[in-house]
Amino acid sequence: MFDPRLLVSNRPPFMSLCLVLATVFIGFVVMGPLLGVAVASTFYEGNLLSDLLSESDQPGYFLAVMVVQGIATFVGLIVFPILHVTQLEHKPLQPFFPAQPKLGQVLLGVTLLGLAFIVAMSPVVEWNSQVHFPSFMNDFETWAREKEEMATKLTETLTQFKSVGQMLIAVLVIAILPGIGEELVFRGLIQRELWRSTQNIHVAIWTSAFLFSAIHLQFFGFFPRLFLGALFGYLYYWSNNLLVPMFAHFFNNGFAVVTVYLNQQNVTSLDVEDTTSAPWPYVTVAVVATVGLLYFVWKHYRENPPVIEDFHSPSALQDENL
């Protein structure tokens, strides 16, 4: 059953979800990119709007795209959702981040879990990258392949790091900001409201994970991202602390960025952009490790239950004290 102390909104769940999605759309699709383009245009000498849609060798292209993406994420997935909670719903943020003992142990376990999960998912990555749709969905498959190729080219362009500084900028824009913003939106807001609506945490976790994967519009990586979203969802459900899935999300993205840079510097031969599955002995060990580490996190919170505080508005607290 949904715990009323996790309430994000006093509105009906469907209305609350619609408002959340509208907030994210306005912030991430409209206001954030417009502000990002305005800022990047102050130093970019080319046609930024057209170059954003294609690969460009224009000086400053890397920084311009990172500025646009970073500002869009910061505004649309962090600032606007925070304003949604605090100003529109008049709720505090503190219940998203309750104080917890031994959090360091959990984050260490989550780090190891992230490494094991990457290897365990590699057969799914390989299968999903090669999947073909039925003949009646040929038009959709063609469109999806085009989107995938565009995303791949853009990723390759933005991960051809010329310096450590560019790599650190990528960590900020690709790992830190999405780790905070996407977890705040998909786990903190959408998952909570789906739980309230369905009264079933598993439906809420997998539905929010589905939305999380679908919104990336990369259908040949849909299932690995779906499972990743579900992993973040269960980490949040068990811990009741957004810091846990935020850290897991940051580690997953940050590991990929840093590994790409180290591969380019010939420090490692590991290529995280390769969709080929890891050898089955490694996959088997990784699956066992993933299950064991999931059990560790689950058991930790069974023995150290998270403290769930009332998600009241200041006015409600005042009314109760009268």
Protein backbone atom coordinates (compact mmCIF):
# COMPACT_ATOMS: atom_id res chain seq x y z
CA MET A 1 0.00 0.00 0.00
CA PHE A 2 1.10 3.54 -0.73
CA ASP A 3 2.28 5.36 2.38
CA PRO A 4 0.43 8.72 2.55
CA ARG A 5 3.52 10.27 4.09
CA LEU A 6 5.15 9.97 0.65
CA LEU A 7 2.55 12.30 -0.83
CA VAL A 8 3.95 14.62 -3.50
CA SER A 9 0.64 16.31 -4.25
CA ASN A 10 -2.82 16.59 -2.72
CA ARG A 11 -4.33 16.53 -6.20
CA PRO A 12 -5.78 13.39 -7.85
CA PRO A 13 -2.86 11.24 -9.07
CA PHE A 14 -3.65 11.57 -12.78
CA MET A 15 -3.90 15.35 -12.55
CA SER A 16 -0.68 15.46 -10.54
CA LEU A 17 1.15 13.34 -13.15
CA CYS A 18 -0.10 15.57 -15.95
CA LEU A 19 1.17 18.64 -14.11
CA VAL A 20 4.56 16.99 -13.54
CA LEU A 21 4.87 16.10 -17.24
CA ALA A 22 3.78 19.60 -18.25
CA THR A 23 6.39 21.10 -15.91
CA VAL A 24 9.13 18.93 -17.37
CA PHE A 25 8.03 19.64 -20.95
CA ILE A 26 8.03 23.40 -20.45
CA GLY A 27 11.38 23.32 -18.66
CA PHE A 28 13.30 20.68 -20.61
CA VAL A 29 11.85 21.03 -24.11
CA VAL A 30 11.08 24.76 -24.24
CA MET A 31 12.64 27.07 -21.66
CA GLY A 32 15.87 25.15 -20.96
CA PRO A 33 16.98 24.75 -24.59
CA LEU A 34 16.03 28.35 -25.42
CA LEU A 35 18.14 29.62 -22.53
CA GLY A 36 20.95 27.24 -23.48
CA VAL A 37 20.97 28.41 -27.10
CA ALA A 38 20.93 32.04 -25.95
CA VAL A 39 23.97 31.47 -23.72
CA ALA A 40 25.91 29.34 -26.25
CA SER A 41 25.25 31.85 -29.04
CA THR A 42 27.29 34.44 -27.18
CA PHE A 43 30.51 32.59 -28.07
CA TYR A 44 29.62 30.24 -30.94
CA GLU A 45 30.42 31.70 -34.35
CA GLY A 46 28.48 29.30 -36.58
CA ASN A 47 24.75 28.75 -37.11
CA LEU A 48 24.06 27.08 -33.79
CA LEU A 49 20.46 26.07 -34.45
CA SER A 50 21.31 24.19 -37.65
CA ASP A 51 24.60 22.80 -36.33
CA LEU A 52 22.86 21.33 -33.28
CA LEU A 53 21.02 18.94 -35.61
CA SER A 54 24.13 17.71 -37.39
CA GLU A 55 27.77 16.95 -36.83
CA SER A 56 29.96 20.03 -37.11
CA ASP A 57 33.67 20.76 -37.01
CA GLN A 58 33.04 24.41 -36.21
CA PRO A 59 35.34 25.68 -33.41
CA GLY A 60 33.47 25.73 -30.14
CA TYR A 61 30.88 23.17 -31.27
CA PHE A 62 31.62 20.77 -28.40
CA LEU A 63 31.28 23.46 -25.75
CA ALA A 64 28.18 24.96 -27.38
CA VAL A 65 26.33 21.64 -27.44
CA MET A 66 27.38 20.88 -23.88
CA VAL A 67 26.15 24.29 -22.72
CA VAL A 68 22.78 23.82 -24.43
CA GLN A 69 22.35 20.29 -23.08
CA GLY A 70 23.60 21.18 -19.62
CA ILE A 71 21.34 24.22 -19.24
CA ALA A 72 18.34 22.32 -20.64
CA THR A 73 18.89 19.52 -18.11
CA PHE A 74 19.55 21.87 -15.21
CA VAL A 75 16.52 24.06 -15.92
CA GLY A 76 14.10 21.40 -17.13
CA LEU A 77 14.91 18.46 -14.87
CA ILE A 78 16.17 20.17 -11.72
CA VAL A 79 15.02 23.80 -11.36
CA PHE A 80 11.49 23.41 -12.75
CA PRO A 81 10.73 20.17 -10.83
CA ILE A 82 12.02 21.75 -7.60
CA LEU A 83 9.78 24.77 -8.21
CA HIS A 84 6.93 22.38 -9.00
CA VAL A 85 7.29 20.66 -5.62
CA THR A 86 8.02 23.70 -3.47
CA GLN A 87 5.93 26.42 -5.14
CA LEU A 88 3.09 24.68 -6.98
CA GLU A 89 2.50 21.83 -4.54
CA HIS A 90 3.88 23.65 -1.45
CA LYS A 91 5.79 20.57 -0.29
CA PRO A 92 9.28 20.43 1.26
CA LEU A 93 12.22 18.73 -0.46
CA GLN A 94 13.66 17.25 2.74
CA PRO A 95 11.63 13.99 2.61
CA PHE A 96 13.39 13.14 -0.66
CA PHE A 97 16.73 13.08 1.17
CA PRO A 98 16.27 11.76 4.73
CA ALA A 99 19.32 11.30 6.93
CA GLN A 100 20.39 7.66 6.98
CA PRO A 101 23.10 5.79 8.89
CA LYS A 102 25.74 3.78 7.02
CA LEU A 103 24.92 5.49 3.72
CA GLY A 104 28.57 5.13 2.69
CA GLN A 105 28.32 1.34 2.85
CA VAL A 106 25.26 1.44 0.62
CA LEU A 107 26.93 3.70 -1.95
CA LEU A 108 29.96 1.37 -2.05
CA GLY A 109 27.60 -1.55 -2.68
CA VAL A 110 25.82 0.48 -5.36
CA THR A 111 29.17 1.18 -7.06
CA LEU A 112 29.99 -2.53 -7.24
CA LEU A 113 26.40 -3.22 -8.31
CA GLY A 114 26.79 -0.74 -11.16
CA LEU A 115 29.90 -2.49 -12.45
CA ALA A 116 28.31 -5.94 -12.23
CA PHE A 117 25.09 -4.73 -13.85
CA ILE A 118 26.93 -3.34 -16.89
CA VAL A 119 28.46 -6.75 -17.63
CA ALA A 120 25.27 -8.65 -16.76
CA MET A 121 23.28 -6.53 -19.22
CA SER A 122 25.73 -6.95 -22.12
CA PRO A 123 23.80 -9.85 -23.76
CA VAL A 124 20.65 -7.72 -23.62
CA VAL A 125 22.55 -4.80 -25.16
CA GLU A 126 23.77 -6.97 -28.02
CA TRP A 127 20.34 -8.51 -28.64
CA ASN A 128 18.50 -5.17 -28.50
CA SER A 129 20.97 -3.50 -30.88
CA GLN A 130 20.24 -6.16 -33.52
CA VAL A 131 16.49 -6.57 -33.02
CA HIS A 132 14.20 -6.37 -36.06
CA PHE A 133 10.55 -5.40 -36.05
CA PRO A 134 7.73 -7.25 -37.89
CA SER A 135 7.17 -6.30 -41.54
CA PHE A 136 4.09 -4.19 -40.73
CA MET A 137 6.38 -1.99 -38.58
CA ASN A 138 8.95 -1.35 -41.33
CA ASP A 139 8.27 2.37 -41.35
CA PHE A 140 8.74 2.57 -37.60
CA GLU A 141 11.97 0.54 -37.77
CA THR A 142 13.34 2.83 -40.47
CA TRP A 143 12.49 5.89 -38.39
CA ALA A 144 13.95 4.30 -35.25
CA ARG A 145 17.18 3.35 -37.09
CA GLU A 146 17.54 6.93 -38.32
CA LYS A 147 17.07 8.27 -34.78
CA GLU A 148 19.59 5.75 -33.49
CA GLU A 149 22.16 6.72 -36.11
CA MET A 150 21.68 10.42 -35.34
CA ALA A 151 22.12 9.78 -31.62
CA THR A 152 25.19 7.62 -32.27
CA LYS A 153 26.84 10.26 -34.46
CA LEU A 154 26.14 12.99 -31.93
CA THR A 155 27.50 10.83 -29.11
CA GLU A 156 30.65 10.04 -31.09
CA THR A 157 31.15 13.74 -31.81
CA LEU A 158 30.70 14.76 -28.20
CA THR A 159 32.93 12.01 -26.84
CA GLN A 160 35.95 12.72 -29.03
CA PHE A 161 37.69 14.39 -26.13
CA LYS A 162 40.63 16.65 -26.93
CA SER A 163 41.52 17.31 -23.31
CA VAL A 164 40.84 16.31 -19.72
CA GLY A 165 38.81 19.51 -19.43
CA GLN A 166 36.40 18.37 -22.14
CA MET A 167 36.06 15.01 -20.43
CA LEU A 168 35.21 16.73 -17.11
CA ILE A 169 32.63 18.92 -18.84
CA ALA A 170 31.08 15.73 -20.26
CA VAL A 171 30.99 14.17 -16.80
CA LEU A 172 29.06 17.20 -15.56
CA VAL A 173 26.60 17.31 -18.46
CA ILE A 174 26.21 13.58 -19.16
CA ALA A 175 26.57 12.11 -15.65
CA ILE A 176 26.06 14.58 -12.80
CA LEU A 177 23.17 16.71 -14.08
CA PRO A 178 21.13 13.80 -15.53
CA GLY A 179 21.85 11.73 -12.44
CA ILE A 180 20.25 14.41 -10.31
CA GLY A 181 17.51 15.60 -12.65
CA GLU A 182 16.27 12.36 -14.19
CA GLU A 183 16.06 10.66 -10.80
CA LEU A 184 14.24 13.61 -9.27
CA VAL A 185 11.67 13.48 -12.08
CA PHE A 186 11.29 9.77 -12.83
CA ARG A 187 11.78 8.29 -9.37
CA GLY A 188 11.03 11.19 -7.04
CA LEU A 189 7.91 12.47 -8.79
CA ILE A 190 6.59 10.09 -11.44
CA GLN A 191 7.27 6.82 -9.57
CA ARG A 192 5.77 8.16 -6.35
CA GLU A 193 2.61 9.35 -8.09
CA LEU A 194 2.25 6.11 -10.04
CA TRP A 195 2.53 4.25 -6.74
CA ARG A 196 -0.19 6.41 -5.26
CA SER A 197 -2.35 5.85 -8.34
CA THR A 198 -1.92 2.09 -8.73
CA GLN A 199 -1.27 1.13 -5.10
CA ASN A 200 1.32 -1.28 -6.53
CA ILE A 201 4.99 -0.37 -6.20
CA HIS A 202 6.14 -2.85 -8.86
CA VAL A 203 3.75 -1.40 -11.44
CA ALA A 204 4.95 2.07 -10.50
CA ILE A 205 8.63 1.14 -10.80
CA TRP A 206 8.35 -0.60 -14.17
CA THR A 207 6.01 2.01 -15.65
CA SER A 208 8.33 4.86 -14.67
CA ALA A 209 11.26 2.80 -16.03
CA PHE A 210 9.37 2.34 -19.29
CA LEU A 211 8.80 6.09 -19.58
CA PHE A 212 12.42 6.74 -18.63
CA SER A 213 13.64 4.51 -21.46
CA ALA A 214 11.08 5.63 -24.05
CA ILE A 215 11.81 9.34 -23.60
CA HIS A 216 15.40 8.82 -24.78
CA LEU A 217 14.08 7.81 -28.25
CA GLN A 218 16.79 5.18 -28.68
CA PHE A 219 14.78 2.03 -29.31
CA PHE A 220 17.77 -0.18 -30.06
CA GLY A 221 18.92 0.38 -26.51
CA PHE A 222 15.42 0.41 -25.03
CA PHE A 223 15.55 -2.75 -22.95
CA PRO A 224 18.92 -2.21 -21.23
CA ARG A 225 17.74 1.29 -20.29
CA LEU A 226 14.39 -0.14 -19.12
CA PHE A 227 16.16 -2.56 -16.76
CA LEU A 228 18.47 0.23 -15.64
CA GLY A 229 15.48 2.42 -14.81
CA ALA A 230 13.89 -0.43 -12.86
CA LEU A 231 17.14 -0.90 -10.94
CA PHE A 232 17.10 2.78 -9.96
CA GLY A 233 13.43 2.44 -9.03
CA TYR A 234 13.99 -0.43 -6.62
CA LEU A 235 17.00 1.30 -5.08
CA TYR A 236 14.78 4.28 -4.38
CA TYR A 237 11.92 2.17 -3.05
CA TRP A 238 14.17 0.29 -0.65
CA SER A 239 16.15 3.30 0.53
CA ASN A 240 13.50 6.04 0.39
CA ASN A 241 16.46 8.33 -0.35
CA LEU A 242 16.91 9.86 -3.80
CA LEU A 243 20.64 10.13 -3.17
CA VAL A 244 20.95 6.37 -3.71
CA PRO A 245 19.49 6.14 -7.26
CA MET A 246 21.07 9.51 -8.10
CA PHE A 247 24.48 8.12 -7.20
CA ALA A 248 23.81 4.90 -9.14
CA HIS A 249 22.72 6.91 -12.18
CA PHE A 250 25.77 9.19 -11.92
CA PHE A 251 28.11 6.21 -11.64
CA ASN A 252 26.60 4.45 -14.65
CA ASN A 253 26.91 7.49 -16.92
CA GLY A 254 30.18 8.72 -15.45
CA PHE A 255 31.83 5.31 -15.80
CA ALA A 256 30.96 5.32 -19.51
CA VAL A 257 32.34 8.83 -20.08
CA VAL A 258 35.61 8.22 -18.22
CA THR A 259 36.11 4.82 -19.87
CA VAL A 260 35.64 6.34 -23.33
CA TYR A 261 38.32 8.92 -22.50
CA LEU A 262 40.73 6.29 -21.15
CA ASN A 263 40.16 4.17 -24.25
CA GLN A 264 41.03 7.13 -26.46
CA GLN A 265 44.20 7.64 -24.44
CA ASN A 266 45.08 3.93 -24.89
CA VAL A 267 44.98 3.45 -21.11
CA THR A 268 42.39 0.68 -21.47
CA SER A 269 41.17 -1.50 -24.33
CA LEU A 270 37.66 -1.57 -22.87
CA ASP A 271 35.21 -0.06 -25.36
CA VAL A 272 31.89 0.73 -23.69
CA GLU A 273 30.41 1.78 -27.05
CA ASP A 274 30.84 -1.77 -28.38
CA THR A 275 27.49 -3.58 -28.22
CA THR A 276 29.06 -7.06 -28.33
CA SER A 277 28.19 -9.17 -25.30
CA ALA A 278 30.83 -10.02 -22.74
CA PRO A 279 31.92 -13.72 -22.69
CA TRP A 280 29.37 -15.92 -20.96
CA PRO A 281 31.60 -16.85 -17.99
CA TYR A 282 31.93 -13.13 -17.20
CA VAL A 283 28.21 -12.60 -17.70
CA THR A 284 27.40 -15.49 -15.36
CA VAL A 285 29.66 -14.12 -12.63
CA ALA A 286 28.21 -10.63 -13.15
CA VAL A 287 24.61 -11.89 -12.87
CA VAL A 288 25.43 -13.70 -9.62
CA ALA A 289 27.20 -10.59 -8.31
CA THR A 290 24.26 -8.38 -9.32
CA VAL A 291 21.78 -10.59 -7.48
CA GLY A 292 24.04 -10.76 -4.43
CA LEU A 293 24.54 -7.00 -4.31
CA LEU A 294 20.83 -6.35 -4.77
CA TYR A 295 20.23 -8.67 -1.82
CA PHE A 296 22.85 -6.75 0.18
CA VAL A 297 21.08 -3.42 -0.41
CA TRP A 298 17.63 -4.91 0.23
CA LYS A 299 18.81 -6.62 3.43
CA HIS A 300 20.54 -3.45 4.63
CA TYR A 301 17.30 -1.51 4.46
CA ARG A 302 15.30 -4.37 5.96
CA GLU A 303 17.58 -4.19 8.97
CA ASN A 304 17.88 -0.39 8.89
CA PRO A 305 14.44 0.78 7.72
CA PRO A 306 14.43 4.24 6.16
CA VAL A 307 12.76 6.91 8.22
CA ILE A 308 9.74 8.15 6.31
CA GLU A 309 8.82 11.68 7.32
CA ASP A 310 5.53 13.39 6.68
CA PHE A 311 5.35 15.10 3.30
CA HIS A 312 3.34 18.02 4.67
CA SER A 313 3.14 21.55 3.44
CA PRO A 314 4.05 24.34 5.90
CA SER A 315 0.39 25.41 6.00
CA ALA A 316 -0.69 21.88 6.90
CA LEU A 317 1.85 21.78 9.73
CA GLN A 318 0.51 25.08 11.04
CA ASP A 319 -3.05 23.78 10.90
CA GLU A 320 -2.07 20.67 12.87
CA ASN A 321 -0.40 22.78 15.55
CA LEU A 322 -3.52 24.88 16.13
